[in-house]
Amino acid sequence: MIIAKELRKENIAEYIIYMFQLEDLVRAYQGDMSLIYEKHIRHFNVDSKTLAEIKNWYETLCKMMKEENLMEKGHLQFLKHKMQELEHFHWQLLNSSEYANYKQLFYDCQSDLEAFKNKSNMTNMGDIEPALTALYSLFLMRLRKLHITNETSDAMDKISRWLSLLAKYYRDFENGKLEIY
């Protein structure tokens, strides 16, 4: 909850990837709050009031995942909406007469992103969800200490640079510091 709040304010891409991780955590414990509390939440070094807020936040997350039938796979509806919003924002940037640096970073990673979409059976999607999924997959590979080829690493670096700029522009847009024409 605390990390999610901070990431949401600072970097929307990192926030969504973090939420993917929490969805997987809830799935790993089959939405069992007693297990989530025992194995995860109770180890947080926070005061009892904050611990209760965190527990309530996870309970809400579990409830939403169960109600949305996401205990096997998929993403929470509010995350889907946020990704759709980012997709729209992404296209606004691409179609703007400004933001040449954004366009260049996107075009630099576009073939890598298309390759990931093809390998991951995500060809019917836009750019944002597959890009976030790619970076989350890289995180999981690193966690599992799997071999990552130089080609994959280079591709993910390009995707990461593009999403970082998207997240910066999105934060600026939300804070009224950026307008798209």
N, C-alpha and C. Protein backbone atom coordinates (compact mmCIF):
# COMPACT_ATOMS: atom_id res chain seq x y z
N MET A 1 0.83 -1.18 0.00
CA MET A 1 0.00 0.00 0.00
C MET A 1 0.87 1.24 0.00
N ILE A 2 1.85 1.30 0.88
CA ILE A 2 2.72 2.47 0.99
C ILE A 2 3.54 2.63 -0.28
N ILE A 3 4.12 1.53 -0.73
CA ILE A 3 4.93 1.56 -1.96
C ILE A 3 4.03 1.91 -3.14
N ALA A 4 2.87 1.30 -3.21
CA ALA A 4 1.95 1.56 -4.32
C ALA A 4 1.57 3.03 -4.39
N LYS A 5 1.28 3.63 -3.25
CA LYS A 5 0.91 5.06 -3.22
C LYS A 5 2.04 5.93 -3.75
N GLU A 6 3.25 5.66 -3.32
CA GLU A 6 4.40 6.44 -3.77
C GLU A 6 4.65 6.25 -5.26
N LEU A 7 4.63 5.01 -5.70
CA LEU A 7 4.86 4.73 -7.12
C LEU A 7 3.78 5.37 -7.99
N ARG A 8 2.54 5.34 -7.52
CA ARG A 8 1.43 5.93 -8.29
C ARG A 8 1.68 7.41 -8.53
N LYS A 9 2.22 8.10 -7.53
CA LYS A 9 2.50 9.53 -7.68
C LYS A 9 3.69 9.79 -8.58
N GLU A 10 4.70 8.93 -8.49
CA GLU A 10 5.98 9.21 -9.15
C GLU A 10 6.13 8.60 -10.54
N ASN A 11 5.68 7.34 -10.71
CA ASN A 11 5.94 6.66 -11.97
C ASN A 11 4.83 5.65 -12.24
N ILE A 12 3.92 6.00 -13.12
CA ILE A 12 2.75 5.17 -13.38
C ILE A 12 3.13 3.79 -13.92
N ALA A 13 4.19 3.70 -14.71
CA ALA A 13 4.61 2.40 -15.25
C ALA A 13 5.10 1.49 -14.13
N GLU A 14 5.95 2.01 -13.26
CA GLU A 14 6.44 1.22 -12.14
C GLU A 14 5.30 0.82 -11.21
N TYR A 15 4.34 1.71 -11.03
CA TYR A 15 3.16 1.41 -10.21
C TYR A 15 2.40 0.22 -10.77
N ILE A 16 2.13 0.23 -12.07
CA ILE A 16 1.36 -0.86 -12.68
C ILE A 16 2.13 -2.18 -12.59
N ILE A 17 3.43 -2.13 -12.84
CA ILE A 17 4.24 -3.34 -12.73
C ILE A 17 4.24 -3.86 -11.29
N TYR A 18 4.32 -2.96 -10.33
CA TYR A 18 4.24 -3.35 -8.92
C TYR A 18 2.89 -4.00 -8.62
N MET A 19 1.82 -3.45 -9.18
CA MET A 19 0.51 -4.03 -8.96
C MET A 19 0.40 -5.41 -9.62
N PHE A 20 1.06 -5.62 -10.76
CA PHE A 20 1.12 -6.96 -11.34
C PHE A 20 1.73 -7.94 -10.33
N GLN A 21 2.79 -7.47 -9.68
CA GLN A 21 3.46 -8.31 -8.68
C GLN A 21 2.52 -8.64 -7.52
N LEU A 22 1.76 -7.65 -7.07
CA LEU A 22 0.83 -7.89 -5.96
C LEU A 22 -0.31 -8.82 -6.39
N GLU A 23 -0.76 -8.70 -7.62
CA GLU A 23 -1.77 -9.65 -8.11
C GLU A 23 -1.22 -11.07 -8.02
N ASP A 24 0.03 -11.25 -8.43
CA ASP A 24 0.65 -12.58 -8.36
C ASP A 24 0.84 -13.04 -6.92
N LEU A 25 1.14 -12.12 -6.03
CA LEU A 25 1.29 -12.48 -4.61
C LEU A 25 -0.06 -12.99 -4.07
N VAL A 26 -1.12 -12.27 -4.37
CA VAL A 26 -2.46 -12.70 -3.93
C VAL A 26 -2.78 -14.07 -4.51
N ARG A 27 -2.45 -14.29 -5.77
CA ARG A 27 -2.70 -15.60 -6.40
C ARG A 27 -1.88 -16.70 -5.73
N ALA A 28 -0.64 -16.39 -5.39
CA ALA A 28 0.23 -17.39 -4.77
C ALA A 28 -0.36 -17.91 -3.45
N TYR A 29 -1.09 -17.04 -2.75
CA TYR A 29 -1.74 -17.44 -1.50
C TYR A 29 -3.23 -17.69 -1.68
N GLN A 30 -3.67 -17.87 -2.93
CA GLN A 30 -5.06 -18.11 -3.27
C GLN A 30 -6.03 -17.14 -2.60
N GLY A 31 -5.58 -15.91 -2.39
CA GLY A 31 -6.43 -14.89 -1.79
C GLY A 31 -6.71 -15.12 -0.32
N ASP A 32 -5.96 -15.99 0.32
CA ASP A 32 -6.15 -16.31 1.74
C ASP A 32 -5.48 -15.23 2.58
N MET A 33 -6.29 -14.34 3.17
CA MET A 33 -5.75 -13.21 3.92
C MET A 33 -4.96 -13.64 5.15
N SER A 34 -5.32 -14.74 5.77
CA SER A 34 -4.55 -15.16 6.94
C SER A 34 -3.13 -15.53 6.52
N LEU A 35 -2.99 -16.18 5.38
CA LEU A 35 -1.65 -16.51 4.87
C LEU A 35 -0.90 -15.26 4.42
N ILE A 36 -1.59 -14.38 3.72
CA ILE A 36 -0.96 -13.15 3.25
C ILE A 36 -0.48 -12.33 4.45
N TYR A 37 -1.30 -12.28 5.48
CA TYR A 37 -0.90 -11.54 6.68
C TYR A 37 0.32 -12.20 7.34
N GLU A 38 0.23 -13.50 7.54
CA GLU A 38 1.29 -14.24 8.24
C GLU A 38 2.61 -14.22 7.48
N LYS A 39 2.55 -14.46 6.19
CA LYS A 39 3.79 -14.60 5.40
C LYS A 39 4.32 -13.28 4.87
N HIS A 40 3.47 -12.27 4.79
CA HIS A 40 3.89 -11.05 4.12
C HIS A 40 3.68 -9.79 4.98
N ILE A 41 2.45 -9.48 5.31
CA ILE A 41 2.12 -8.19 5.92
C ILE A 41 2.72 -8.01 7.31
N ARG A 42 2.66 -9.02 8.13
CA ARG A 42 3.09 -8.85 9.52
C ARG A 42 4.57 -8.52 9.66
N HIS A 43 5.33 -8.73 8.61
CA HIS A 43 6.77 -8.45 8.65
C HIS A 43 7.10 -6.99 8.34
N PHE A 44 6.09 -6.20 7.97
CA PHE A 44 6.34 -4.79 7.70
C PHE A 44 6.71 -4.08 8.99
N ASN A 45 7.69 -3.25 8.92
CA ASN A 45 8.18 -2.51 10.09
C ASN A 45 7.45 -1.16 10.18
N VAL A 46 6.17 -1.22 10.59
CA VAL A 46 5.34 -0.03 10.70
C VAL A 46 4.54 -0.10 12.00
N ASP A 47 3.95 1.03 12.39
CA ASP A 47 3.13 1.05 13.62
C ASP A 47 1.84 0.26 13.39
N SER A 48 1.15 -0.03 14.47
CA SER A 48 -0.04 -0.90 14.40
C SER A 48 -1.16 -0.29 13.57
N LYS A 49 -1.31 1.03 13.60
CA LYS A 49 -2.35 1.69 12.79
C LYS A 49 -2.06 1.50 11.30
N THR A 50 -0.82 1.73 10.92
CA THR A 50 -0.44 1.56 9.51
C THR A 50 -0.55 0.10 9.10
N LEU A 51 -0.18 -0.82 9.99
CA LEU A 51 -0.29 -2.24 9.70
C LEU A 51 -1.75 -2.62 9.45
N ALA A 52 -2.66 -2.06 10.24
CA ALA A 52 -4.09 -2.32 10.04
C ALA A 52 -4.56 -1.76 8.69
N GLU A 53 -4.07 -0.59 8.31
CA GLU A 53 -4.42 -0.01 7.01
C GLU A 53 -3.91 -0.88 5.86
N ILE A 54 -2.70 -1.38 6.01
CA ILE A 54 -2.11 -2.25 4.98
C ILE A 54 -2.93 -3.53 4.86
N LYS A 55 -3.29 -4.10 6.01
CA LYS A 55 -4.10 -5.33 5.99
C LYS A 55 -5.43 -5.08 5.30
N ASN A 56 -6.07 -3.96 5.61
CA ASN A 56 -7.34 -3.62 4.98
C ASN A 56 -7.18 -3.44 3.47
N TRP A 57 -6.07 -2.81 3.07
CA TRP A 57 -5.80 -2.59 1.65
C TRP A 57 -5.66 -3.93 0.92
N TYR A 58 -4.92 -4.88 1.52
CA TYR A 58 -4.76 -6.20 0.92
C TYR A 58 -6.09 -6.96 0.90
N GLU A 59 -6.89 -6.80 1.94
CA GLU A 59 -8.20 -7.45 1.96
C GLU A 59 -9.06 -6.96 0.80
N THR A 60 -9.00 -5.65 0.56
CA THR A 60 -9.75 -5.07 -0.56
C THR A 60 -9.22 -5.61 -1.89
N LEU A 61 -7.92 -5.69 -2.02
CA LEU A 61 -7.29 -6.22 -3.22
C LEU A 61 -7.75 -7.67 -3.46
N CYS A 62 -7.71 -8.49 -2.42
CA CYS A 62 -8.16 -9.89 -2.53
C CYS A 62 -9.63 -9.97 -2.93
N LYS A 63 -10.45 -9.16 -2.30
CA LYS A 63 -11.87 -9.16 -2.60
C LYS A 63 -12.12 -8.79 -4.06
N MET A 64 -11.44 -7.74 -4.52
CA MET A 64 -11.61 -7.31 -5.91
C MET A 64 -11.17 -8.41 -6.87
N MET A 65 -10.04 -9.05 -6.58
CA MET A 65 -9.56 -10.11 -7.47
C MET A 65 -10.53 -11.28 -7.51
N LYS A 66 -11.09 -11.63 -6.37
CA LYS A 66 -12.06 -12.72 -6.34
C LYS A 66 -13.33 -12.34 -7.10
N GLU A 67 -13.83 -11.12 -6.88
CA GLU A 67 -15.04 -10.66 -7.56
C GLU A 67 -14.86 -10.57 -9.07
N GLU A 68 -13.64 -10.24 -9.50
CA GLU A 68 -13.36 -10.10 -10.93
C GLU A 68 -12.83 -11.40 -11.55
N ASN A 69 -12.89 -12.49 -10.78
CA ASN A 69 -12.42 -13.80 -11.26
C ASN A 69 -10.98 -13.76 -11.78
N LEU A 70 -10.09 -13.22 -10.99
CA LEU A 70 -8.70 -13.06 -11.39
C LEU A 70 -7.74 -13.92 -10.57
N MET A 71 -8.24 -14.96 -9.96
CA MET A 71 -7.37 -15.77 -9.11
C MET A 71 -6.47 -16.70 -9.93
N GLU A 72 -6.74 -16.83 -11.21
CA GLU A 72 -5.89 -17.63 -12.10
C GLU A 72 -4.99 -16.75 -12.94
N LYS A 73 -5.58 -15.71 -13.54
CA LYS A 73 -4.81 -14.82 -14.42
C LYS A 73 -5.63 -13.56 -14.69
N GLY A 74 -4.97 -12.60 -15.32
CA GLY A 74 -5.64 -11.36 -15.69
C GLY A 74 -5.28 -10.22 -14.75
N HIS A 75 -5.81 -9.05 -15.07
CA HIS A 75 -5.49 -7.86 -14.29
C HIS A 75 -6.77 -7.19 -13.80
N LEU A 76 -6.64 -6.55 -12.67
CA LEU A 76 -7.76 -5.84 -12.08
C LEU A 76 -8.30 -4.79 -13.04
N GLN A 77 -9.59 -4.58 -12.97
CA GLN A 77 -10.27 -3.67 -13.88
C GLN A 77 -9.68 -2.26 -13.81
N PHE A 78 -9.37 -1.78 -12.62
CA PHE A 78 -8.84 -0.42 -12.52
C PHE A 78 -7.45 -0.32 -13.16
N LEU A 79 -6.69 -1.42 -13.16
CA LEU A 79 -5.40 -1.42 -13.84
C LEU A 79 -5.60 -1.44 -15.36
N LYS A 80 -6.58 -2.20 -15.81
CA LYS A 80 -6.89 -2.21 -17.24
C LYS A 80 -7.28 -0.80 -17.71
N HIS A 81 -8.09 -0.13 -16.90
CA HIS A 81 -8.51 1.23 -17.25
C HIS A 81 -7.30 2.17 -17.29
N LYS A 82 -6.41 2.02 -16.35
CA LYS A 82 -5.23 2.88 -16.31
C LYS A 82 -4.34 2.59 -17.53
N MET A 83 -4.21 1.32 -17.90
CA MET A 83 -3.42 0.99 -19.09
C MET A 83 -4.08 1.55 -20.35
N GLN A 84 -5.41 1.52 -20.42
CA GLN A 84 -6.11 2.10 -21.57
C GLN A 84 -5.90 3.62 -21.62
N GLU A 85 -5.93 4.24 -20.47
CA GLU A 85 -5.68 5.67 -20.38
C GLU A 85 -4.26 5.99 -20.85
N LEU A 86 -3.30 5.18 -20.42
CA LEU A 86 -1.92 5.37 -20.86
C LEU A 86 -1.78 5.13 -22.37
N GLU A 87 -2.50 4.15 -22.88
CA GLU A 87 -2.48 3.87 -24.32
C GLU A 87 -2.96 5.11 -25.08
N HIS A 88 -4.03 5.68 -24.63
CA HIS A 88 -4.58 6.89 -25.26
C HIS A 88 -3.56 8.04 -25.17
N PHE A 89 -2.97 8.21 -24.01
CA PHE A 89 -1.97 9.26 -23.80
C PHE A 89 -0.77 9.04 -24.72
N HIS A 90 -0.33 7.80 -24.82
CA HIS A 90 0.78 7.41 -25.69
C HIS A 90 0.49 7.84 -27.14
N TRP A 91 -0.71 7.57 -27.61
CA TRP A 91 -1.06 7.93 -28.99
C TRP A 91 -1.20 9.44 -29.16
N GLN A 92 -1.63 10.12 -28.13
CA GLN A 92 -1.67 11.58 -28.19
C GLN A 92 -0.25 12.13 -28.36
N LEU A 93 0.70 11.58 -27.63
CA LEU A 93 2.09 12.02 -27.77
C LEU A 93 2.62 11.72 -29.16
N LEU A 94 2.34 10.53 -29.67
CA LEU A 94 2.82 10.16 -31.00
C LEU A 94 2.20 11.03 -32.09
N ASN A 95 0.97 11.43 -31.90
CA ASN A 95 0.27 12.22 -32.93
C ASN A 95 0.47 13.73 -32.76
N SER A 96 1.14 14.12 -31.71
CA SER A 96 1.41 15.53 -31.48
C SER A 96 2.52 16.01 -32.41
N SER A 97 2.52 17.28 -32.69
CA SER A 97 3.58 17.85 -33.53
C SER A 97 4.86 18.06 -32.72
N GLU A 98 4.77 17.86 -31.43
CA GLU A 98 5.95 18.00 -30.56
C GLU A 98 6.40 16.61 -30.08
N TYR A 99 7.27 16.56 -29.12
CA TYR A 99 7.72 15.33 -28.46
C TYR A 99 8.49 14.38 -29.38
N ALA A 100 9.38 14.96 -30.17
CA ALA A 100 10.20 14.15 -31.08
C ALA A 100 11.03 13.13 -30.31
N ASN A 101 11.52 13.51 -29.13
CA ASN A 101 12.32 12.55 -28.34
C ASN A 101 11.48 11.36 -27.91
N TYR A 102 10.22 11.59 -27.57
CA TYR A 102 9.32 10.50 -27.20
C TYR A 102 9.10 9.57 -28.41
N LYS A 103 8.81 10.18 -29.53
CA LYS A 103 8.57 9.40 -30.74
C LYS A 103 9.80 8.56 -31.08
N GLN A 104 10.99 9.15 -30.97
CA GLN A 104 12.21 8.43 -31.30
C GLN A 104 12.43 7.24 -30.38
N LEU A 105 12.22 7.44 -29.05
CA LEU A 105 12.38 6.33 -28.10
C LEU A 105 11.39 5.21 -28.40
N PHE A 106 10.16 5.59 -28.74
CA PHE A 106 9.18 4.57 -29.07
C PHE A 106 9.57 3.82 -30.34
N TYR A 107 9.94 4.55 -31.38
CA TYR A 107 10.31 3.90 -32.64
C TYR A 107 11.56 3.02 -32.47
N ASP A 108 12.45 3.42 -31.56
CA ASP A 108 13.65 2.62 -31.29
C ASP A 108 13.32 1.24 -30.71
N CYS A 109 12.22 1.17 -29.95
CA CYS A 109 11.88 -0.11 -29.31
C CYS A 109 10.71 -0.82 -29.98
N GLN A 110 10.12 -0.20 -30.98
CA GLN A 110 8.90 -0.74 -31.58
C GLN A 110 9.07 -2.16 -32.13
N SER A 111 10.17 -2.45 -32.81
CA SER A 111 10.34 -3.80 -33.35
C SER A 111 10.53 -4.83 -32.23
N ASP A 112 11.22 -4.42 -31.16
CA ASP A 112 11.38 -5.32 -30.01
C ASP A 112 10.03 -5.57 -29.33
N LEU A 113 9.24 -4.53 -29.23
CA LEU A 113 7.91 -4.66 -28.63
C LEU A 113 7.02 -5.56 -29.48
N GLU A 114 7.08 -5.40 -30.79
CA GLU A 114 6.30 -6.26 -31.69
C GLU A 114 6.75 -7.72 -31.57
N ALA A 115 8.06 -7.93 -31.44
CA ALA A 115 8.56 -9.30 -31.27
C ALA A 115 8.03 -9.91 -29.97
N PHE A 116 8.01 -9.12 -28.90
CA PHE A 116 7.47 -9.61 -27.62
C PHE A 116 5.98 -9.92 -27.76
N LYS A 117 5.24 -9.04 -28.41
CA LYS A 117 3.80 -9.27 -28.62
C LYS A 117 3.58 -10.60 -29.34
N ASN A 118 4.37 -10.85 -30.37
CA ASN A 118 4.22 -12.09 -31.14
C ASN A 118 4.54 -13.30 -30.29
N LYS A 119 5.63 -13.25 -29.52
CA LYS A 119 6.02 -14.39 -28.67
C LYS A 119 5.04 -14.62 -27.54
N SER A 120 4.39 -13.56 -27.09
CA SER A 120 3.51 -13.65 -25.92
C SER A 120 2.04 -13.73 -26.28
N ASN A 121 1.75 -13.87 -27.57
CA ASN A 121 0.37 -13.95 -28.02
C ASN A 121 -0.44 -12.72 -27.60
N MET A 122 0.17 -11.54 -27.75
CA MET A 122 -0.47 -10.27 -27.40
C MET A 122 -0.60 -9.36 -28.62
N THR A 123 -0.69 -9.96 -29.80
CA THR A 123 -0.70 -9.18 -31.03
C THR A 123 -1.96 -8.34 -31.20
N ASN A 124 -3.03 -8.71 -30.50
CA ASN A 124 -4.28 -7.96 -30.62
C ASN A 124 -4.37 -6.80 -29.64
N MET A 125 -3.27 -6.50 -28.97
CA MET A 125 -3.26 -5.43 -27.97
C MET A 125 -2.52 -4.22 -28.50
N GLY A 126 -2.69 -3.11 -27.80
CA GLY A 126 -1.94 -1.91 -28.12
C GLY A 126 -0.49 -2.07 -27.72
N ASP A 127 0.13 -0.99 -27.29
CA ASP A 127 1.55 -1.02 -26.94
C ASP A 127 1.81 -1.07 -25.44
N ILE A 128 0.94 -0.50 -24.65
CA ILE A 128 1.24 -0.29 -23.23
C ILE A 128 1.22 -1.59 -22.44
N GLU A 129 0.14 -2.34 -22.47
CA GLU A 129 0.08 -3.57 -21.67
C GLU A 129 1.19 -4.55 -22.04
N PRO A 130 1.45 -4.79 -23.33
CA PRO A 130 2.56 -5.69 -23.66
C PRO A 130 3.92 -5.16 -23.16
N ALA A 131 4.14 -3.86 -23.24
CA ALA A 131 5.41 -3.30 -22.77
C ALA A 131 5.56 -3.50 -21.27
N LEU A 132 4.50 -3.24 -20.53
CA LEU A 132 4.55 -3.43 -19.07
C LEU A 132 4.71 -4.91 -18.74
N THR A 133 4.04 -5.75 -19.48
CA THR A 133 4.16 -7.20 -19.28
C THR A 133 5.58 -7.66 -19.58
N ALA A 134 6.19 -7.10 -20.61
CA ALA A 134 7.57 -7.46 -20.95
C ALA A 134 8.51 -7.13 -19.80
N LEU A 135 8.37 -5.94 -19.25
CA LEU A 135 9.25 -5.55 -18.14
C LEU A 135 8.97 -6.37 -16.89
N TYR A 136 7.71 -6.70 -16.66
CA TYR A 136 7.38 -7.55 -15.52
C TYR A 136 7.96 -8.96 -15.72
N SER A 137 7.90 -9.44 -16.94
CA SER A 137 8.48 -10.75 -17.25
C SER A 137 9.99 -10.75 -17.01
N LEU A 138 10.65 -9.66 -17.38
CA LEU A 138 12.08 -9.54 -17.12
C LEU A 138 12.36 -9.57 -15.62
N PHE A 139 11.54 -8.87 -14.85
CA PHE A 139 11.66 -8.88 -13.39
C PHE A 139 11.55 -10.31 -12.85
N LEU A 140 10.56 -11.06 -13.35
CA LEU A 140 10.37 -12.44 -12.90
C LEU A 140 11.56 -13.33 -13.30
N MET A 141 12.09 -13.11 -14.49
CA MET A 141 13.25 -13.89 -14.94
C MET A 141 14.45 -13.62 -14.02
N ARG A 142 14.64 -12.37 -13.67
CA ARG A 142 15.75 -12.03 -12.76
C ARG A 142 15.53 -12.63 -11.39
N LEU A 143 14.30 -12.60 -10.92
CA LEU A 143 13.97 -13.17 -9.62
C LEU A 143 14.26 -14.66 -9.58
N ARG A 144 13.98 -15.32 -10.67
CA ARG A 144 14.21 -16.77 -10.77
C ARG A 144 15.64 -17.11 -11.19
N LYS A 145 16.45 -16.06 -11.38
CA LYS A 145 17.85 -16.22 -11.79
C LYS A 145 17.98 -16.98 -13.10
N LEU A 146 17.07 -16.70 -14.03
CA LEU A 146 17.12 -17.31 -15.35
C LEU A 146 18.10 -16.54 -16.23
N HIS A 147 18.65 -17.22 -17.20
CA HIS A 147 19.58 -16.58 -18.13
C HIS A 147 18.82 -15.58 -19.01
N ILE A 148 19.36 -14.39 -19.12
CA ILE A 148 18.79 -13.35 -19.96
C ILE A 148 19.82 -13.03 -21.04
N THR A 149 19.44 -13.23 -22.27
CA THR A 149 20.38 -12.98 -23.37
C THR A 149 20.66 -11.49 -23.50
N ASN A 150 21.77 -11.17 -24.13
CA ASN A 150 22.09 -9.77 -24.39
C ASN A 150 21.03 -9.11 -25.26
N GLU A 151 20.52 -9.88 -26.22
CA GLU A 151 19.47 -9.36 -27.10
C GLU A 151 18.22 -8.98 -26.30
N THR A 152 17.82 -9.85 -25.39
CA THR A 152 16.65 -9.57 -24.54
C THR A 152 16.93 -8.38 -23.64
N SER A 153 18.10 -8.35 -23.05
CA SER A 153 18.47 -7.26 -22.16
C SER A 153 18.45 -5.91 -22.91
N ASP A 154 19.01 -5.89 -24.10
CA ASP A 154 19.02 -4.67 -24.91
C ASP A 154 17.60 -4.24 -25.28
N ALA A 155 16.77 -5.20 -25.66
CA ALA A 155 15.39 -4.90 -26.02
C ALA A 155 14.63 -4.32 -24.82
N MET A 156 14.82 -4.93 -23.67
CA MET A 156 14.13 -4.45 -22.47
C MET A 156 14.63 -3.08 -22.03
N ASP A 157 15.90 -2.82 -22.24
CA ASP A 157 16.44 -1.48 -21.94
C ASP A 157 15.76 -0.42 -22.79
N LYS A 158 15.57 -0.72 -24.06
CA LYS A 158 14.91 0.24 -24.95
C LYS A 158 13.45 0.45 -24.54
N ILE A 159 12.77 -0.63 -24.24
CA ILE A 159 11.37 -0.53 -23.81
C ILE A 159 11.29 0.25 -22.50
N SER A 160 12.20 -0.02 -21.60
CA SER A 160 12.23 0.66 -20.31
C SER A 160 12.47 2.17 -20.46
N ARG A 161 13.39 2.55 -21.34
CA ARG A 161 13.65 3.98 -21.57
C ARG A 161 12.41 4.68 -22.12
N TRP A 162 11.74 4.02 -23.05
CA TRP A 162 10.52 4.60 -23.62
C TRP A 162 9.43 4.75 -22.54
N LEU A 163 9.20 3.68 -21.76
CA LEU A 163 8.16 3.75 -20.73
C LEU A 163 8.51 4.75 -19.64
N SER A 164 9.79 4.92 -19.36
CA SER A 164 10.20 5.92 -18.36
C SER A 164 9.82 7.32 -18.81
N LEU A 165 10.05 7.60 -20.07
CA LEU A 165 9.68 8.92 -20.59
C LEU A 165 8.17 9.08 -20.64
N LEU A 166 7.46 8.03 -21.03
CA LEU A 166 6.00 8.07 -21.01
C LEU A 166 5.51 8.38 -19.60
N ALA A 167 6.07 7.70 -18.60
CA ALA A 167 5.66 7.91 -17.21
C ALA A 167 5.95 9.33 -16.76
N LYS A 168 7.10 9.87 -17.17
CA LYS A 168 7.44 11.25 -16.80
C LYS A 168 6.44 12.23 -17.41
N TYR A 169 6.17 12.06 -18.70
CA TYR A 169 5.21 12.94 -19.36
C TYR A 169 3.82 12.79 -18.75
N TYR A 170 3.45 11.58 -18.40
CA TYR A 170 2.14 11.35 -17.79
C TYR A 170 2.04 12.06 -16.44
N ARG A 171 3.10 11.94 -15.63
CA ARG A 171 3.11 12.63 -14.33
C ARG A 171 3.01 14.14 -14.55
N ASP A 172 3.78 14.66 -15.49
CA ASP A 172 3.72 16.10 -15.79
C ASP A 172 2.33 16.50 -16.26
N PHE A 173 1.71 15.67 -17.10
CA PHE A 173 0.37 15.93 -17.59
C PHE A 173 -0.64 15.95 -16.43
N GLU A 174 -0.55 14.97 -15.56
CA GLU A 174 -1.45 14.91 -14.40
C GLU A 174 -1.28 16.11 -13.48
N ASN A 175 -0.06 16.59 -13.38
CA ASN A 175 0.24 17.73 -12.51
C ASN A 175 0.04 19.09 -13.20
N GLY A 176 -0.48 19.08 -14.42
CA GLY A 176 -0.75 20.30 -15.14
C GLY A 176 0.48 20.99 -15.71
N LYS A 177 1.58 20.27 -15.80
CA LYS A 177 2.83 20.84 -16.32
C LYS A 177 3.06 20.52 -17.79
N LEU A 178 2.15 19.80 -18.41
CA LEU A 178 2.32 19.41 -19.81
C LEU A 178 0.97 19.43 -20.49
N GLU A 179 0.94 20.01 -21.67
CA GLU A 179 -0.27 20.01 -22.48
C GLU A 179 0.06 19.38 -23.80
N ILE A 180 -0.89 18.66 -24.34
CA ILE A 180 -0.69 18.01 -25.64
C ILE A 180 -1.58 18.70 -26.65
N TYR A 181 -0.98 19.08 -27.75
CA TYR A 181 -1.72 19.77 -28.82
C TYR A 181 -1.88 18.89 -30.02
